[in-house]
PDB file of N, CA and C in Angstrom:
ATOM      1  N   UNK A   1    -198.242 -23.078 -75.139  1.00  0.00           N
ATOM      2  CA  UNK A   1    -197.932 -23.477 -73.775  1.00  0.00           C
ATOM      3  C   UNK A   1    -198.911 -22.780 -72.827  1.00  0.00           C
ATOM      4  N   UNK A   2    -198.959 -23.266 -71.609  1.00  0.00           N
ATOM      5  CA  UNK A   2    -199.937 -22.766 -70.642  1.00  0.00           C
ATOM      6  C   UNK A   2    -199.284 -22.175 -69.406  1.00  0.00           C
ATOM      7  N   UNK A   3    -198.178 -21.476 -69.572  1.00  0.00           N
ATOM      8  CA  UNK A   3    -197.533 -20.844 -68.430  1.00  0.00           C
ATOM      9  C   UNK A   3    -198.317 -19.609 -68.023  1.00  0.00           C
ATOM     10  N   UNK A   4    -198.201 -19.250 -66.747  1.00  0.00           N
ATOM     11  CA  UNK A   4    -198.911 -18.073 -66.241  1.00  0.00           C
ATOM     12  C   UNK A   4    -197.956 -17.147 -65.510  1.00  0.00           C
ATOM     13  N   UNK A   5    -198.385 -15.915 -65.368  1.00  0.00           N
ATOM     14  CA  UNK A   5    -197.680 -14.924 -64.564  1.00  0.00           C
ATOM     15  C   UNK A   5    -198.409 -14.805 -63.231  1.00  0.00           C
ATOM     16  N   UNK A   6    -197.653 -14.800 -62.137  1.00  0.00           N
ATOM     17  CA  UNK A   6    -198.247 -14.658 -60.814  1.00  0.00           C
ATOM     18  C   UNK A   6    -197.989 -13.241 -60.320  1.00  0.00           C
ATOM     19  N   UNK A   7    -199.081 -12.584 -59.930  1.00  0.00           N
ATOM     20  CA  UNK A   7    -199.024 -11.210 -59.436  1.00  0.00           C
ATOM     21  C   UNK A   7    -199.440 -11.224 -57.968  1.00  0.00           C
ATOM     22  N   UNK A   8    -198.653 -10.544 -57.129  1.00  0.00           N
ATOM     23  CA  UNK A   8    -198.914 -10.465 -55.691  1.00  0.00           C
ATOM     24  C   UNK A   8    -199.491  -9.090 -55.385  1.00  0.00           C
ATOM     25  N   UNK A   9    -200.644  -9.068 -54.716  1.00  0.00           N
ATOM     26  CA  UNK A   9    -201.338  -7.822 -54.389  1.00  0.00           C
ATOM     27  C   UNK A   9    -201.335  -7.628 -52.881  1.00  0.00           C
ATOM     28  N   UNK A  10    -200.661  -6.569 -52.422  1.00  0.00           N
ATOM     29  CA  UNK A  10    -200.640  -6.216 -51.011  1.00  0.00           C
ATOM     30  C   UNK A  10    -201.226  -4.827 -50.869  1.00  0.00           C
ATOM     31  N   UNK A  11    -202.427  -4.746 -50.294  1.00  0.00           N
ATOM     32  CA  UNK A  11    -203.096  -3.454 -50.084  1.00  0.00           C
ATOM     33  C   UNK A  11    -203.173  -2.621 -51.366  1.00  0.00           C
ATOM     34  N   UNK A  12    -203.486  -3.263 -52.481  1.00  0.00           N
ATOM     35  CA  UNK A  12    -203.650  -2.552 -53.740  1.00  0.00           C
ATOM     36  C   UNK A  12    -202.373  -2.356 -54.537  1.00  0.00           C
ATOM     37  N   UNK A  13    -201.231  -2.682 -53.956  1.00  0.00           N
ATOM     38  CA  UNK A  13    -199.957  -2.568 -54.671  1.00  0.00           C
ATOM     39  C   UNK A  13    -199.683  -3.914 -55.348  1.00  0.00           C
ATOM     40  N   UNK A  14    -199.652  -3.901 -56.685  1.00  0.00           N
ATOM     41  CA  UNK A  14    -199.453  -5.127 -57.459  1.00  0.00           C
ATOM     42  C   UNK A  14    -197.991  -5.269 -57.867  1.00  0.00           C
ATOM     43  N   UNK A  15    -197.486  -6.487 -57.710  1.00  0.00           N
ATOM     44  CA  UNK A  15    -196.098  -6.766 -58.080  1.00  0.00           C
ATOM     45  C   UNK A  15    -196.025  -8.148 -58.738  1.00  0.00           C
ATOM     46  N   UNK A  16    -195.415  -8.206 -59.919  1.00  0.00           N
ATOM     47  CA  UNK A  16    -195.200  -9.492 -60.567  1.00  0.00           C
ATOM     48  C   UNK A  16    -194.110 -10.227 -59.807  1.00  0.00           C
ATOM     49  N   UNK A  17    -194.434 -11.431 -59.314  1.00  0.00           N
ATOM     50  CA  UNK A  17    -193.459 -12.174 -58.526  1.00  0.00           C
ATOM     51  C   UNK A  17    -192.792 -13.288 -59.326  1.00  0.00           C
ATOM     52  N   UNK A  18    -193.482 -13.781 -60.369  1.00  0.00           N
ATOM     53  CA  UNK A  18    -192.867 -14.846 -61.162  1.00  0.00           C
ATOM     54  C   UNK A  18    -193.614 -14.995 -62.483  1.00  0.00           C
ATOM     55  N   UNK A  19    -192.859 -15.208 -63.534  1.00  0.00           N
ATOM     56  CA  UNK A  19    -193.436 -15.466 -64.850  1.00  0.00           C
ATOM     57  C   UNK A  19    -193.167 -16.917 -65.232  1.00  0.00           C
ATOM     58  N   UNK A  20    -193.878 -17.400 -66.223  1.00  0.00           N
ATOM     59  CA  UNK A  20    -193.715 -18.758 -66.742  1.00  0.00           C
ATOM     60  C   UNK A  20    -193.918 -19.822 -65.668  1.00  0.00           C
ATOM     61  N   UNK A  21    -194.939 -19.619 -64.828  1.00  0.00           N
ATOM     62  CA  UNK A  21    -195.282 -20.577 -63.776  1.00  0.00           C
ATOM     63  C   UNK A  21    -196.098 -21.704 -64.401  1.00  0.00           C
ATOM     64  N   UNK A  22    -195.682 -22.953 -64.089  1.00  0.00           N
ATOM     65  CA  UNK A  22    -196.401 -24.105 -64.636  1.00  0.00           C
ATOM     66  C   UNK A  22    -197.109 -24.922 -63.558  1.00  0.00           C
ATOM     67  N   UNK A  23    -196.754 -24.665 -62.289  1.00  0.00           N
ATOM     68  CA  UNK A  23    -197.390 -25.427 -61.211  1.00  0.00           C
ATOM     69  C   UNK A  23    -197.447 -24.588 -59.947  1.00  0.00           C
ATOM     70  N   UNK A  24    -198.546 -24.743 -59.194  1.00  0.00           N
ATOM     71  CA  UNK A  24    -198.715 -24.042 -57.922  1.00  0.00           C
ATOM     72  C   UNK A  24    -199.133 -25.069 -56.879  1.00  0.00           C
ATOM     73  N   UNK A  25    -198.386 -25.124 -55.786  1.00  0.00           N
ATOM     74  CA  UNK A  25    -198.710 -26.009 -54.667  1.00  0.00           C
ATOM     75  C   UNK A  25    -199.208 -25.148 -53.519  1.00  0.00           C
ATOM     76  N   UNK A  26    -200.317 -25.551 -52.901  1.00  0.00           N
ATOM     77  CA  UNK A  26    -200.929 -24.754 -51.840  1.00  0.00           C
ATOM     78  C   UNK A  26    -201.102 -25.609 -50.597  1.00  0.00           C
ATOM     79  N   UNK A  27    -200.652 -25.074 -49.470  1.00  0.00           N
ATOM     80  CA  UNK A  27    -200.887 -25.702 -48.175  1.00  0.00           C
ATOM     81  C   UNK A  27    -201.226 -24.588 -47.191  1.00  0.00           C
ATOM     82  N   UNK A  28    -202.497 -24.500 -46.825  1.00  0.00           N
ATOM     83  CA  UNK A  28    -203.009 -23.414 -45.984  1.00  0.00           C
ATOM     84  C   UNK A  28    -202.717 -22.082 -46.657  1.00  0.00           C
ATOM     85  N   UNK A  29    -201.968 -21.173 -45.995  1.00  0.00           N
ATOM     86  CA  UNK A  29    -201.625 -19.877 -46.577  1.00  0.00           C
ATOM     87  C   UNK A  29    -200.275 -19.886 -47.300  1.00  0.00           C
ATOM     88  N   UNK A  30    -199.609 -21.033 -47.329  1.00  0.00           N
ATOM     89  CA  UNK A  30    -198.311 -21.140 -47.994  1.00  0.00           C
ATOM     90  C   UNK A  30    -198.516 -21.561 -49.439  1.00  0.00           C
ATOM     91  N   UNK A  31    -197.943 -20.785 -50.355  1.00  0.00           N
ATOM     92  CA  UNK A  31    -198.076 -21.054 -51.783  1.00  0.00           C
ATOM     93  C   UNK A  31    -196.679 -21.198 -52.372  1.00  0.00           C
ATOM     94  N   UNK A  32    -196.453 -22.300 -53.080  1.00  0.00           N
ATOM     95  CA  UNK A  32    -195.167 -22.513 -53.731  1.00  0.00           C
ATOM     96  C   UNK A  32    -195.377 -22.483 -55.239  1.00  0.00           C
ATOM     97  N   UNK A  33    -194.611 -21.643 -55.911  1.00  0.00           N
ATOM     98  CA  UNK A  33    -194.684 -21.494 -57.359  1.00  0.00           C
ATOM     99  C   UNK A  33    -193.525 -22.244 -57.990  1.00  0.00           C
ATOM    100  N   UNK A  34    -193.799 -22.953 -59.075  1.00  0.00           N
ATOM    101  CA  UNK A  34    -192.758 -23.689 -59.780  1.00  0.00           C
ATOM    102  C   UNK A  34    -192.770 -23.235 -61.235  1.00  0.00           C
ATOM    103  N   UNK A  35    -191.613 -22.788 -61.698  1.00  0.00           N
ATOM    104  CA  UNK A  35    -191.491 -22.268 -63.051  1.00  0.00           C
ATOM    105  C   UNK A  35    -191.140 -23.330 -64.068  1.00  0.00           C
ATOM    106  N   UNK A  36    -191.191 -22.938 -65.322  1.00  0.00           N
ATOM    107  CA  UNK A  36    -190.964 -23.855 -66.439  1.00  0.00           C
ATOM    108  C   UNK A  36    -189.559 -24.468 -66.418  1.00  0.00           C
ATOM    109  N   UNK A  37    -188.594 -23.764 -65.843  1.00  0.00           N
ATOM    110  CA  UNK A  37    -187.223 -24.272 -65.760  1.00  0.00           C
ATOM    111  C   UNK A  37    -186.912 -24.897 -64.405  1.00  0.00           C
ATOM    112  N   UNK A  38    -187.937 -25.089 -63.570  1.00  0.00           N
ATOM    113  CA  UNK A  38    -187.756 -25.735 -62.272  1.00  0.00           C
ATOM    114  C   UNK A  38    -187.486 -24.791 -61.118  1.00  0.00           C
ATOM    115  N   UNK A  39    -187.409 -23.493 -61.401  1.00  0.00           N
ATOM    116  CA  UNK A  39    -187.177 -22.548 -60.315  1.00  0.00           C
ATOM    117  C   UNK A  39    -188.394 -22.517 -59.390  1.00  0.00           C
ATOM    118  N   UNK A  40    -188.157 -22.214 -58.116  1.00  0.00           N
ATOM    119  CA  UNK A  40    -189.230 -22.223 -57.115  1.00  0.00           C
ATOM    120  C   UNK A  40    -189.224 -20.928 -56.320  1.00  0.00           C
ATOM    121  N   UNK A  41    -190.424 -20.530 -55.924  1.00  0.00           N
ATOM    122  CA  UNK A  41    -190.578 -19.357 -55.072  1.00  0.00           C
ATOM    123  C   UNK A  41    -191.740 -19.631 -54.130  1.00  0.00           C
ATOM    124  N   UNK A  42    -191.561 -19.312 -52.852  1.00  0.00           N
ATOM    125  CA  UNK A  42    -192.607 -19.509 -51.852  1.00  0.00           C
ATOM    126  C   UNK A  42    -193.074 -18.170 -51.326  1.00  0.00           C
ATOM    127  N   UNK A  43    -194.371 -18.079 -51.039  1.00  0.00           N
ATOM    128  CA  UNK A  43    -194.915 -16.871 -50.427  1.00  0.00           C
ATOM    129  C   UNK A  43    -196.161 -17.226 -49.648  1.00  0.00           C
ATOM    130  N   UNK A  44    -196.630 -16.276 -48.848  1.00  0.00           N
ATOM    131  CA  UNK A  44    -197.837 -16.476 -48.046  1.00  0.00           C
ATOM    132  C   UNK A  44    -198.946 -15.587 -48.578  1.00  0.00           C
ATOM    133  N   UNK A  45    -200.127 -16.143 -48.677  1.00  0.00           N
ATOM    134  CA  UNK A  45    -201.278 -15.395 -49.161  1.00  0.00           C
ATOM    135  C   UNK A  45    -202.366 -16.358 -49.586  1.00  0.00           C
ATOM    136  N   UNK A  46    -203.280 -15.846 -50.409  1.00  0.00           N
ATOM    137  CA  UNK A  46    -204.351 -16.699 -50.931  1.00  0.00           C
ATOM    138  C   UNK A  46    -204.626 -16.288 -52.378  1.00  0.00           C
ATOM    139  N   UNK A  47    -204.972 -17.250 -53.182  1.00  0.00           N
ATOM    140  CA  UNK A  47    -205.296 -16.963 -54.578  1.00  0.00           C
ATOM    141  C   UNK A  47    -206.654 -16.281 -54.610  1.00  0.00           C
ATOM    142  N   UNK A  48    -206.702 -15.096 -55.222  1.00  0.00           N
ATOM    143  CA  UNK A  48    -207.950 -14.335 -55.263  1.00  0.00           C
ATOM    144  C   UNK A  48    -208.567 -14.310 -56.657  1.00  0.00           C
ATOM    145  N   UNK A  49    -207.764 -14.555 -57.702  1.00  0.00           N
ATOM    146  CA  UNK A  49    -208.294 -14.492 -59.060  1.00  0.00           C
ATOM    147  C   UNK A  49    -207.387 -15.273 -59.998  1.00  0.00           C
ATOM    148  N   UNK A  50    -208.000 -16.019 -60.894  1.00  0.00           N
ATOM    149  CA  UNK A  50    -207.275 -16.707 -61.962  1.00  0.00           C
ATOM    150  C   UNK A  50    -207.920 -16.286 -63.267  1.00  0.00           C
ATOM    151  N   UNK A  51    -207.162 -15.579 -64.099  1.00  0.00           N
ATOM    152  CA  UNK A  51    -207.669 -15.100 -65.387  1.00  0.00           C
ATOM    153  C   UNK A  51    -206.956 -15.883 -66.496  1.00  0.00           C
ATOM    154  N   UNK A  52    -207.614 -16.910 -66.987  1.00  0.00           N
ATOM    155  CA  UNK A  52    -207.008 -17.776 -67.993  1.00  0.00           C
ATOM    156  C   UNK A  52    -206.784 -17.051 -69.327  1.00  0.00           C
ATOM    157  N   UNK A  53    -207.607 -16.054 -69.638  1.00  0.00           N
ATOM    158  CA  UNK A  53    -207.434 -15.336 -70.903  1.00  0.00           C
ATOM    159  C   UNK A  53    -206.161 -14.487 -70.891  1.00  0.00           C
ATOM    160  N   UNK A  54    -205.735 -14.046 -69.708  1.00  0.00           N
ATOM    161  CA  UNK A  54    -204.512 -13.243 -69.558  1.00  0.00           C
ATOM    162  C   UNK A  54    -203.324 -14.095 -69.087  1.00  0.00           C
ATOM    163  N   UNK A  55    -203.587 -15.362 -68.744  1.00  0.00           N
ATOM    164  CA  UNK A  55    -202.572 -16.233 -68.154  1.00  0.00           C
ATOM    165  C   UNK A  55    -201.993 -15.576 -66.898  1.00  0.00           C
ATOM    166  N   UNK A  56    -202.898 -15.073 -66.049  1.00  0.00           N
ATOM    167  CA  UNK A  56    -202.490 -14.341 -64.845  1.00  0.00           C
ATOM    168  C   UNK A  56    -203.181 -14.907 -63.626  1.00  0.00           C
ATOM    169  N   UNK A  57    -202.413 -15.074 -62.558  1.00  0.00           N
ATOM    170  CA  UNK A  57    -202.930 -15.549 -61.278  1.00  0.00           C
ATOM    171  C   UNK A  57    -202.630 -14.483 -60.241  1.00  0.00           C
ATOM    172  N   UNK A  58    -203.675 -14.030 -59.549  1.00  0.00           N
ATOM    173  CA  UNK A  58    -203.543 -12.981 -58.537  1.00  0.00           C
ATOM    174  C   UNK A  58    -203.537 -13.622 -57.151  1.00  0.00           C
ATOM    175  N   UNK A  59    -202.526 -13.262 -56.360  1.00  0.00           N
ATOM    176  CA  UNK A  59    -202.441 -13.712 -54.973  1.00  0.00           C
ATOM    177  C   UNK A  59    -202.536 -12.495 -54.080  1.00  0.00           C
ATOM    178  N   UNK A  60    -203.450 -12.550 -53.102  1.00  0.00           N
ATOM    179  CA  UNK A  60    -203.606 -11.464 -52.114  1.00  0.00           C
ATOM    180  C   UNK A  60    -202.727 -11.764 -50.924  1.00  0.00           C
ATOM    181  N   UNK A  61    -201.959 -10.767 -50.522  1.00  0.00           N
ATOM    182  CA  UNK A  61    -201.117 -10.882 -49.331  1.00  0.00           C
ATOM    183  C   UNK A  61    -201.700 -10.056 -48.202  1.00  0.00           C
ATOM    184  N   UNK A  62    -201.034 -10.122 -47.083  1.00  0.00           N
ATOM    185  CA  UNK A  62    -201.491  -9.378 -45.897  1.00  0.00           C
ATOM    186  C   UNK A  62    -200.852  -8.020 -45.835  1.00  0.00           C
TER     187      UNK A  62
END
């Protein structure tokens, strides 16, 4: 499977915000994460790194 973990970085502090993410919707600075079971989480920031080998997506916050 191709699920990813989303990590939120605020001023160098990293926090895992959601695991098993299968879809990401982006509109300006609003990012909506959708998990494998349909759960959703919204946050503000920008995607700064996608590491496919680690299945990790880094989002920078303010």
